[in-house]
Amino acid sequence: MDIMKKNAEAELQKQGIMQKFTDLRVFFDQAKVELKKVVWPDKQETISTSSAVLLLVVVMALFLGVVDLVLTKIIAAVLS
């Protein structure tokens, strides 16, 4: 009886593993279909968007650097 139970559990485990592989294949097939629907930006749009992001990063870095410098001076003045 115990052997039959172990065989049944092994069979269920094998089916579970095969189901996982099937699910994984379905997932990748669906991902491939969805990627075909994507409208990718052209070169000019990519350059303009990247430029805007880089400009914003530089502006924010300068702003945070100035705020840090001012707060450092204020704290130094208060503590001295």
PDB file of N, CA and C in Angstrom:
ATOM      1  N   MET A   1       0.823  -1.184   0.000  1.00  0.00           N
ATOM      2  CA  MET A   1       0.000   0.000   0.000  1.00  0.00           C
ATOM      3  C   MET A   1       0.868   1.249   0.000  1.00  0.00           C
ATOM      4  N   ASP A   2       1.916   1.200   0.784  1.00  0.00           N
ATOM      5  CA  ASP A   2       2.819   2.344   0.886  1.00  0.00           C
ATOM      6  C   ASP A   2       3.532   2.600  -0.443  1.00  0.00           C
ATOM      7  N   ILE A   3       3.852   1.539  -1.174  1.00  0.00           N
ATOM      8  CA  ILE A   3       4.516   1.670  -2.470  1.00  0.00           C
ATOM      9  C   ILE A   3       3.574   2.323  -3.477  1.00  0.00           C
ATOM     10  N   MET A   4       2.314   1.958  -3.441  1.00  0.00           N
ATOM     11  CA  MET A   4       1.340   2.559  -4.363  1.00  0.00           C
ATOM     12  C   MET A   4       1.181   4.054  -4.085  1.00  0.00           C
ATOM     13  N   LYS A   5       1.202   4.398  -2.809  1.00  0.00           N
ATOM     14  CA  LYS A   5       1.070   5.809  -2.442  1.00  0.00           C
ATOM     15  C   LYS A   5       2.276   6.598  -2.933  1.00  0.00           C
ATOM     16  N   LYS A   6       3.472   6.034  -2.785  1.00  0.00           N
ATOM     17  CA  LYS A   6       4.689   6.710  -3.242  1.00  0.00           C
ATOM     18  C   LYS A   6       4.689   6.849  -4.759  1.00  0.00           C
ATOM     19  N   ASN A   7       4.244   5.802  -5.462  1.00  0.00           N
ATOM     20  CA  ASN A   7       4.168   5.870  -6.918  1.00  0.00           C
ATOM     21  C   ASN A   7       3.178   6.950  -7.367  1.00  0.00           C
ATOM     22  N   ALA A   8       2.050   7.041  -6.683  1.00  0.00           N
ATOM     23  CA  ALA A   8       1.039   8.044  -7.027  1.00  0.00           C
ATOM     24  C   ALA A   8       1.593   9.450  -6.778  1.00  0.00           C
ATOM     25  N   GLU A   9       2.305   9.621  -5.663  1.00  0.00           N
ATOM     26  CA  GLU A   9       2.897  10.930  -5.366  1.00  0.00           C
ATOM     27  C   GLU A   9       3.959  11.293  -6.406  1.00  0.00           C
ATOM     28  N   ALA A  10       4.758  10.311  -6.814  1.00  0.00           N
ATOM     29  CA  ALA A  10       5.779  10.562  -7.822  1.00  0.00           C
ATOM     30  C   ALA A  10       5.148  10.943  -9.155  1.00  0.00           C
ATOM     31  N   GLU A  11       4.061  10.287  -9.501  1.00  0.00           N
ATOM     32  CA  GLU A  11       3.364  10.594 -10.750  1.00  0.00           C
ATOM     33  C   GLU A  11       2.771  12.000 -10.704  1.00  0.00           C
ATOM     34  N   LEU A  12       2.176  12.369  -9.580  1.00  0.00           N
ATOM     35  CA  LEU A  12       1.633  13.715  -9.431  1.00  0.00           C
ATOM     36  C   LEU A  12       2.740  14.765  -9.516  1.00  0.00           C
ATOM     37  N   GLN A  13       3.874  14.455  -8.905  1.00  0.00           N
ATOM     38  CA  GLN A  13       5.001  15.390  -8.940  1.00  0.00           C
ATOM     39  C   GLN A  13       5.509  15.560 -10.373  1.00  0.00           C
ATOM     40  N   LYS A  14       5.579  14.460 -11.125  1.00  0.00           N
ATOM     41  CA  LYS A  14       6.021  14.518 -12.515  1.00  0.00           C
ATOM     42  C   LYS A  14       5.046  15.348 -13.348  1.00  0.00           C
ATOM     43  N   GLN A  15       3.765  15.158 -13.121  1.00  0.00           N
ATOM     44  CA  GLN A  15       2.759  15.939 -13.841  1.00  0.00           C
ATOM     45  C   GLN A  15       2.862  17.416 -13.480  1.00  0.00           C
ATOM     46  N   GLY A  16       3.156  17.710 -12.215  1.00  0.00           N
ATOM     47  CA  GLY A  16       3.311  19.091 -11.786  1.00  0.00           C
ATOM     48  C   GLY A  16       4.483  19.761 -12.469  1.00  0.00           C
ATOM     49  N   ILE A  17       5.580  19.030 -12.610  1.00  0.00           N
ATOM     50  CA  ILE A  17       6.767  19.580 -13.277  1.00  0.00           C
ATOM     51  C   ILE A  17       6.472  19.819 -14.751  1.00  0.00           C
ATOM     52  N   MET A  18       5.801  18.862 -15.388  1.00  0.00           N
ATOM     53  CA  MET A  18       5.460  19.037 -16.803  1.00  0.00           C
ATOM     54  C   MET A  18       4.503  20.211 -16.986  1.00  0.00           C
ATOM     55  N   GLN A  19       3.584  20.379 -16.051  1.00  0.00           N
ATOM     56  CA  GLN A  19       2.655  21.504 -16.127  1.00  0.00           C
ATOM     57  C   GLN A  19       3.389  22.833 -16.014  1.00  0.00           C
ATOM     58  N   LYS A  20       4.400  22.875 -15.156  1.00  0.00           N
ATOM     59  CA  LYS A  20       5.189  24.103 -15.011  1.00  0.00           C
ATOM     60  C   LYS A  20       5.926  24.437 -16.308  1.00  0.00           C
ATOM     61  N   PHE A  21       6.475  23.432 -16.966  1.00  0.00           N
ATOM     62  CA  PHE A  21       7.144  23.682 -18.246  1.00  0.00           C
ATOM     63  C   PHE A  21       6.142  24.159 -19.296  1.00  0.00           C
ATOM     64  N   THR A  22       4.954  23.570 -19.287  1.00  0.00           N
ATOM     65  CA  THR A  22       3.913  23.992 -20.226  1.00  0.00           C
ATOM     66  C   THR A  22       3.496  25.437 -19.950  1.00  0.00           C
ATOM     67  N   ASP A  23       3.321  25.769 -18.684  1.00  0.00           N
ATOM     68  CA  ASP A  23       2.949  27.137 -18.314  1.00  0.00           C
ATOM     69  C   ASP A  23       4.038  28.125 -18.717  1.00  0.00           C
ATOM     70  N   LEU A  24       5.291  27.730 -18.527  1.00  0.00           N
ATOM     71  CA  LEU A  24       6.410  28.600 -18.896  1.00  0.00           C
ATOM     72  C   LEU A  24       6.430  28.840 -20.406  1.00  0.00           C
ATOM     73  N   ARG A  25       6.185  27.808 -21.172  1.00  0.00           N
ATOM     74  CA  ARG A  25       6.149  27.959 -22.629  1.00  0.00           C
ATOM     75  C   ARG A  25       5.007  28.888 -23.055  1.00  0.00           C
ATOM     76  N   VAL A  26       3.848  28.712 -22.448  1.00  0.00           N
ATOM     77  CA  VAL A  26       2.701  29.574 -22.764  1.00  0.00           C
ATOM     78  C   VAL A  26       3.035  31.021 -22.419  1.00  0.00           C
ATOM     79  N   PHE A  27       3.680  31.243 -21.277  1.00  0.00           N
ATOM     80  CA  PHE A  27       4.060  32.591 -20.877  1.00  0.00           C
ATOM     81  C   PHE A  27       4.961  33.245 -21.925  1.00  0.00           C
ATOM     82  N   PHE A  28       5.989  32.525 -22.365  1.00  0.00           N
ATOM     83  CA  PHE A  28       6.903  33.090 -23.353  1.00  0.00           C
ATOM     84  C   PHE A  28       6.225  33.307 -24.704  1.00  0.00           C
ATOM     85  N   ASP A  29       5.324  32.424 -25.070  1.00  0.00           N
ATOM     86  CA  ASP A  29       4.576  32.626 -26.313  1.00  0.00           C
ATOM     87  C   ASP A  29       3.720  33.890 -26.233  1.00  0.00           C
ATOM     88  N   GLN A  30       3.069  34.090 -25.117  1.00  0.00           N
ATOM     89  CA  GLN A  30       2.248  35.283 -24.945  1.00  0.00           C
ATOM     90  C   GLN A  30       3.102  36.548 -24.893  1.00  0.00           C
ATOM     91  N   ALA A  31       4.266  36.457 -24.249  1.00  0.00           N
ATOM     92  CA  ALA A  31       5.163  37.615 -24.191  1.00  0.00           C
ATOM     93  C   ALA A  31       5.637  37.992 -25.591  1.00  0.00           C
ATOM     94  N   LYS A  32       5.918  36.999 -26.414  1.00  0.00           N
ATOM     95  CA  LYS A  32       6.353  37.254 -27.790  1.00  0.00           C
ATOM     96  C   LYS A  32       5.258  37.972 -28.582  1.00  0.00           C
ATOM     97  N   VAL A  33       4.017  37.545 -28.403  1.00  0.00           N
ATOM     98  CA  VAL A  33       2.888  38.178 -29.090  1.00  0.00           C
ATOM     99  C   VAL A  33       2.748  39.626 -28.634  1.00  0.00           C
ATOM    100  N   GLU A  34       2.866  39.870 -27.335  1.00  0.00           N
ATOM    101  CA  GLU A  34       2.721  41.232 -26.807  1.00  0.00           C
ATOM    102  C   GLU A  34       3.851  42.138 -27.288  1.00  0.00           C
ATOM    103  N   LEU A  35       5.068  41.611 -27.382  1.00  0.00           N
ATOM    104  CA  LEU A  35       6.190  42.428 -27.847  1.00  0.00           C
ATOM    105  C   LEU A  35       6.029  42.841 -29.305  1.00  0.00           C
ATOM    106  N   LYS A  36       5.303  42.043 -30.080  1.00  0.00           N
ATOM    107  CA  LYS A  36       5.049  42.422 -31.474  1.00  0.00           C
ATOM    108  C   LYS A  36       4.088  43.601 -31.560  1.00  0.00           C
ATOM    109  N   LYS A  37       3.296  43.828 -30.511  1.00  0.00           N
ATOM    110  CA  LYS A  37       2.337  44.930 -30.497  1.00  0.00           C
ATOM    111  C   LYS A  37       2.971  46.262 -30.096  1.00  0.00           C
ATOM    112  N   VAL A  38       4.177  46.222 -29.544  1.00  0.00           N
ATOM    113  CA  VAL A  38       4.823  47.437 -29.035  1.00  0.00           C
ATOM    114  C   VAL A  38       5.209  48.349 -30.185  1.00  0.00           C
ATOM    115  N   VAL A  39       4.930  49.633 -30.013  1.00  0.00           N
ATOM    116  CA  VAL A  39       5.355  50.633 -30.986  1.00  0.00           C
ATOM    117  C   VAL A  39       6.625  51.269 -30.427  1.00  0.00           C
ATOM    118  N   TRP A  40       7.755  50.945 -31.014  1.00  0.00           N
ATOM    119  CA  TRP A  40       9.034  51.438 -30.515  1.00  0.00           C
ATOM    120  C   TRP A  40       9.273  52.855 -31.031  1.00  0.00           C
ATOM    121  N   PRO A  41       9.906  53.715 -30.202  1.00  0.00           N
ATOM    122  CA  PRO A  41      10.164  55.094 -30.647  1.00  0.00           C
ATOM    123  C   PRO A  41      11.228  55.126 -31.741  1.00  0.00           C
ATOM    124  N   ASP A  42      11.137  56.159 -32.600  1.00  0.00           N
ATOM    125  CA  ASP A  42      12.152  56.299 -33.636  1.00  0.00           C
ATOM    126  C   ASP A  42      13.402  56.970 -33.033  1.00  0.00           C
ATOM    127  N   LYS A  43      14.421  57.105 -33.847  1.00  0.00           N
ATOM    128  CA  LYS A  43      15.704  57.606 -33.369  1.00  0.00           C
ATOM    129  C   LYS A  43      15.580  59.025 -32.825  1.00  0.00           C
ATOM    130  N   GLN A  44      14.863  59.884 -33.523  1.00  0.00           N
ATOM    131  CA  GLN A  44      14.736  61.286 -33.100  1.00  0.00           C
ATOM    132  C   GLN A  44      14.011  61.393 -31.758  1.00  0.00           C
ATOM    133  N   GLU A  45      12.959  60.618 -31.579  1.00  0.00           N
ATOM    134  CA  GLU A  45      12.220  60.646 -30.317  1.00  0.00           C
ATOM    135  C   GLU A  45      13.086  60.134 -29.167  1.00  0.00           C
ATOM    136  N   THR A  46      13.868  59.116 -29.430  1.00  0.00           N
ATOM    137  CA  THR A  46      14.758  58.577 -28.400  1.00  0.00           C
ATOM    138  C   THR A  46      15.798  59.609 -27.987  1.00  0.00           C
ATOM    139  N   ILE A  47      16.378  60.293 -28.970  1.00  0.00           N
ATOM    140  CA  ILE A  47      17.401  61.301 -28.672  1.00  0.00           C
ATOM    141  C   ILE A  47      16.795  62.461 -27.885  1.00  0.00           C
ATOM    142  N   SER A  48      15.626  62.955 -28.306  1.00  0.00           N
ATOM    143  CA  SER A  48      15.022  64.095 -27.617  1.00  0.00           C
ATOM    144  C   SER A  48      14.607  63.731 -26.192  1.00  0.00           C
ATOM    145  N   THR A  49      14.054  62.554 -25.996  1.00  0.00           N
ATOM    146  CA  THR A  49      13.648  62.129 -24.659  1.00  0.00           C
ATOM    147  C   THR A  49      14.863  61.921 -23.756  1.00  0.00           C
ATOM    148  N   SER A  50      15.898  61.311 -24.290  1.00  0.00           N
ATOM    149  CA  SER A  50      17.117  61.096 -23.509  1.00  0.00           C
ATOM    150  C   SER A  50      17.766  62.421 -23.135  1.00  0.00           C
ATOM    151  N   SER A  51      17.750  63.379 -24.046  1.00  0.00           N
ATOM    152  CA  SER A  51      18.309  64.698 -23.764  1.00  0.00           C
ATOM    153  C   SER A  51      17.534  65.382 -22.638  1.00  0.00           C
ATOM    154  N   ALA A  52      16.223  65.286 -22.671  1.00  0.00           N
ATOM    155  CA  ALA A  52      15.396  65.884 -21.623  1.00  0.00           C
ATOM    156  C   ALA A  52      15.691  65.257 -20.264  1.00  0.00           C
ATOM    157  N   VAL A  53      15.855  63.959 -20.240  1.00  0.00           N
ATOM    158  CA  VAL A  53      16.162  63.263 -18.986  1.00  0.00           C
ATOM    159  C   VAL A  53      17.529  63.684 -18.464  1.00  0.00           C
ATOM    160  N   LEU A  54      18.529  63.737 -19.336  1.00  0.00           N
ATOM    161  CA  LEU A  54      19.871  64.139 -18.909  1.00  0.00           C
ATOM    162  C   LEU A  54      19.887  65.577 -18.401  1.00  0.00           C
ATOM    163  N   LEU A  55      19.162  66.459 -19.062  1.00  0.00           N
ATOM    164  CA  LEU A  55      19.085  67.847 -18.619  1.00  0.00           C
ATOM    165  C   LEU A  55      18.449  67.935 -17.235  1.00  0.00           C
ATOM    166  N   LEU A  56      17.381  67.205 -17.023  1.00  0.00           N
ATOM    167  CA  LEU A  56      16.721  67.204 -15.726  1.00  0.00           C
ATOM    168  C   LEU A  56      17.634  66.654 -14.631  1.00  0.00           C
ATOM    169  N   VAL A  57      18.391  65.630 -14.942  1.00  0.00           N
ATOM    170  CA  VAL A  57      19.325  65.060 -13.970  1.00  0.00           C
ATOM    171  C   VAL A  57      20.382  66.083 -13.587  1.00  0.00           C
ATOM    172  N   VAL A  58      20.935  66.809 -14.558  1.00  0.00           N
ATOM    173  CA  VAL A  58      21.948  67.819 -14.279  1.00  0.00           C
ATOM    174  C   VAL A  58      21.358  68.947 -13.436  1.00  0.00           C
ATOM    175  N   VAL A  59      20.172  69.425 -13.789  1.00  0.00           N
ATOM    176  CA  VAL A  59      19.525  70.510 -13.032  1.00  0.00           C
ATOM    177  C   VAL A  59      19.264  70.071 -11.596  1.00  0.00           C
ATOM    178  N   MET A  60      18.740  68.872 -11.414  1.00  0.00           N
ATOM    179  CA  MET A  60      18.460  68.385 -10.055  1.00  0.00           C
ATOM    180  C   MET A  60      19.744  68.195  -9.258  1.00  0.00           C
ATOM    181  N   ALA A  61      20.808  67.722  -9.898  1.00  0.00           N
ATOM    182  CA  ALA A  61      22.083  67.545  -9.205  1.00  0.00           C
ATOM    183  C   ALA A  61      22.621  68.892  -8.742  1.00  0.00           C
ATOM    184  N   LEU A  62      22.543  69.898  -9.592  1.00  0.00           N
ATOM    185  CA  LEU A  62      22.999  71.234  -9.202  1.00  0.00           C
ATOM    186  C   LEU A  62      22.133  71.789  -8.072  1.00  0.00           C
ATOM    187  N   PHE A  63      20.826  71.645  -8.180  1.00  0.00           N
ATOM    188  CA  PHE A  63      19.925  72.135  -7.145  1.00  0.00           C
ATOM    189  C   PHE A  63      20.221  71.470  -5.799  1.00  0.00           C
ATOM    190  N   LEU A  64      20.329  70.152  -5.793  1.00  0.00           N
ATOM    191  CA  LEU A  64      20.590  69.437  -4.539  1.00  0.00           C
ATOM    192  C   LEU A  64      21.971  69.769  -3.983  1.00  0.00           C
ATOM    193  N   GLY A  65      22.940  69.995  -4.871  1.00  0.00           N
ATOM    194  CA  GLY A  65      24.276  70.402  -4.415  1.00  0.00           C
ATOM    195  C   GLY A  65      24.237  71.759  -3.737  1.00  0.00           C
ATOM    196  N   VAL A  66      23.497  72.703  -4.302  1.00  0.00           N
ATOM    197  CA  VAL A  66      23.378  74.041  -3.702  1.00  0.00           C
ATOM    198  C   VAL A  66      22.639  73.958  -2.367  1.00  0.00           C
ATOM    199  N   VAL A  67      21.555  73.206  -2.312  1.00  0.00           N
ATOM    200  CA  VAL A  67      20.808  73.042  -1.059  1.00  0.00           C
ATOM    201  C   VAL A  67      21.703  72.414   0.003  1.00  0.00           C
ATOM    202  N   ASP A  68      22.463  71.414  -0.361  1.00  0.00           N
ATOM    203  CA  ASP A  68      23.381  70.765   0.580  1.00  0.00           C
ATOM    204  C   ASP A  68      24.423  71.751   1.090  1.00  0.00           C
ATOM    205  N   LEU A  69      24.973  72.534   0.201  1.00  0.00           N
ATOM    206  CA  LEU A  69      25.990  73.522   0.583  1.00  0.00           C
ATOM    207  C   LEU A  69      25.398  74.559   1.538  1.00  0.00           C
ATOM    208  N   VAL A  70      24.216  75.059   1.227  1.00  0.00           N
ATOM    209  CA  VAL A  70      23.574  76.078   2.080  1.00  0.00           C
ATOM    210  C   VAL A  70      23.257  75.497   3.460  1.00  0.00           C
ATOM    211  N   LEU A  71      22.682  74.305   3.495  1.00  0.00           N
ATOM    212  CA  LEU A  71      22.353  73.691   4.776  1.00  0.00           C
ATOM    213  C   LEU A  71      23.602  73.382   5.590  1.00  0.00           C
ATOM    214  N   THR A  72      24.677  72.993   4.928  1.00  0.00           N
ATOM    215  CA  THR A  72      25.942  72.748   5.623  1.00  0.00           C
ATOM    216  C   THR A  72      26.456  74.023   6.265  1.00  0.00           C
ATOM    217  N   LYS A  73      26.394  75.118   5.553  1.00  0.00           N
ATOM    218  CA  LYS A  73      26.844  76.413   6.093  1.00  0.00           C
ATOM    219  C   LYS A  73      25.966  76.842   7.269  1.00  0.00           C
ATOM    220  N   ILE A  74      24.646  76.651   7.145  1.00  0.00           N
ATOM    221  CA  ILE A  74      23.740  77.025   8.241  1.00  0.00           C
ATOM    222  C   ILE A  74      24.023  76.208   9.486  1.00  0.00           C
ATOM    223  N   ILE A  75      24.179  74.914   9.335  1.00  0.00           N
ATOM    224  CA  ILE A  75      24.442  74.037  10.488  1.00  0.00           C
ATOM    225  C   ILE A  75      25.792  74.369  11.106  1.00  0.00           C
ATOM    226  N   ALA A  76      26.792  74.628  10.267  1.00  0.00           N
ATOM    227  CA  ALA A  76      28.109  75.001  10.786  1.00  0.00           C
ATOM    228  C   ALA A  76      28.037  76.297  11.576  1.00  0.00           C
ATOM    229  N   ALA A  77      27.245  77.260  11.100  1.00  0.00           N
ATOM    230  CA  ALA A  77      27.097  78.544  11.807  1.00  0.00           C
ATOM    231  C   ALA A  77      26.369  78.353  13.136  1.00  0.00           C
ATOM    232  N   VAL A  78      25.371  77.487  13.154  1.00  0.00           N
ATOM    233  CA  VAL A  78      24.609  77.259  14.374  1.00  0.00           C
ATOM    234  C   VAL A  78      25.451  76.520  15.409  1.00  0.00           C
ATOM    235  N   LEU A  79      26.232  75.577  14.982  1.00  0.00           N
ATOM    236  CA  LEU A  79      27.029  74.763  15.918  1.00  0.00           C
ATOM    237  C   LEU A  79      28.294  75.456  16.406  1.00  0.00           C
ATOM    238  N   SER A  80      28.747  76.492  15.732  1.00  0.00           N
ATOM    239  CA  SER A  80      30.004  77.131  16.156  1.00  0.00           C
ATOM    240  C   SER A  80      29.777  78.296  17.086  1.00  0.00           C
TER     241      SER A  80
END
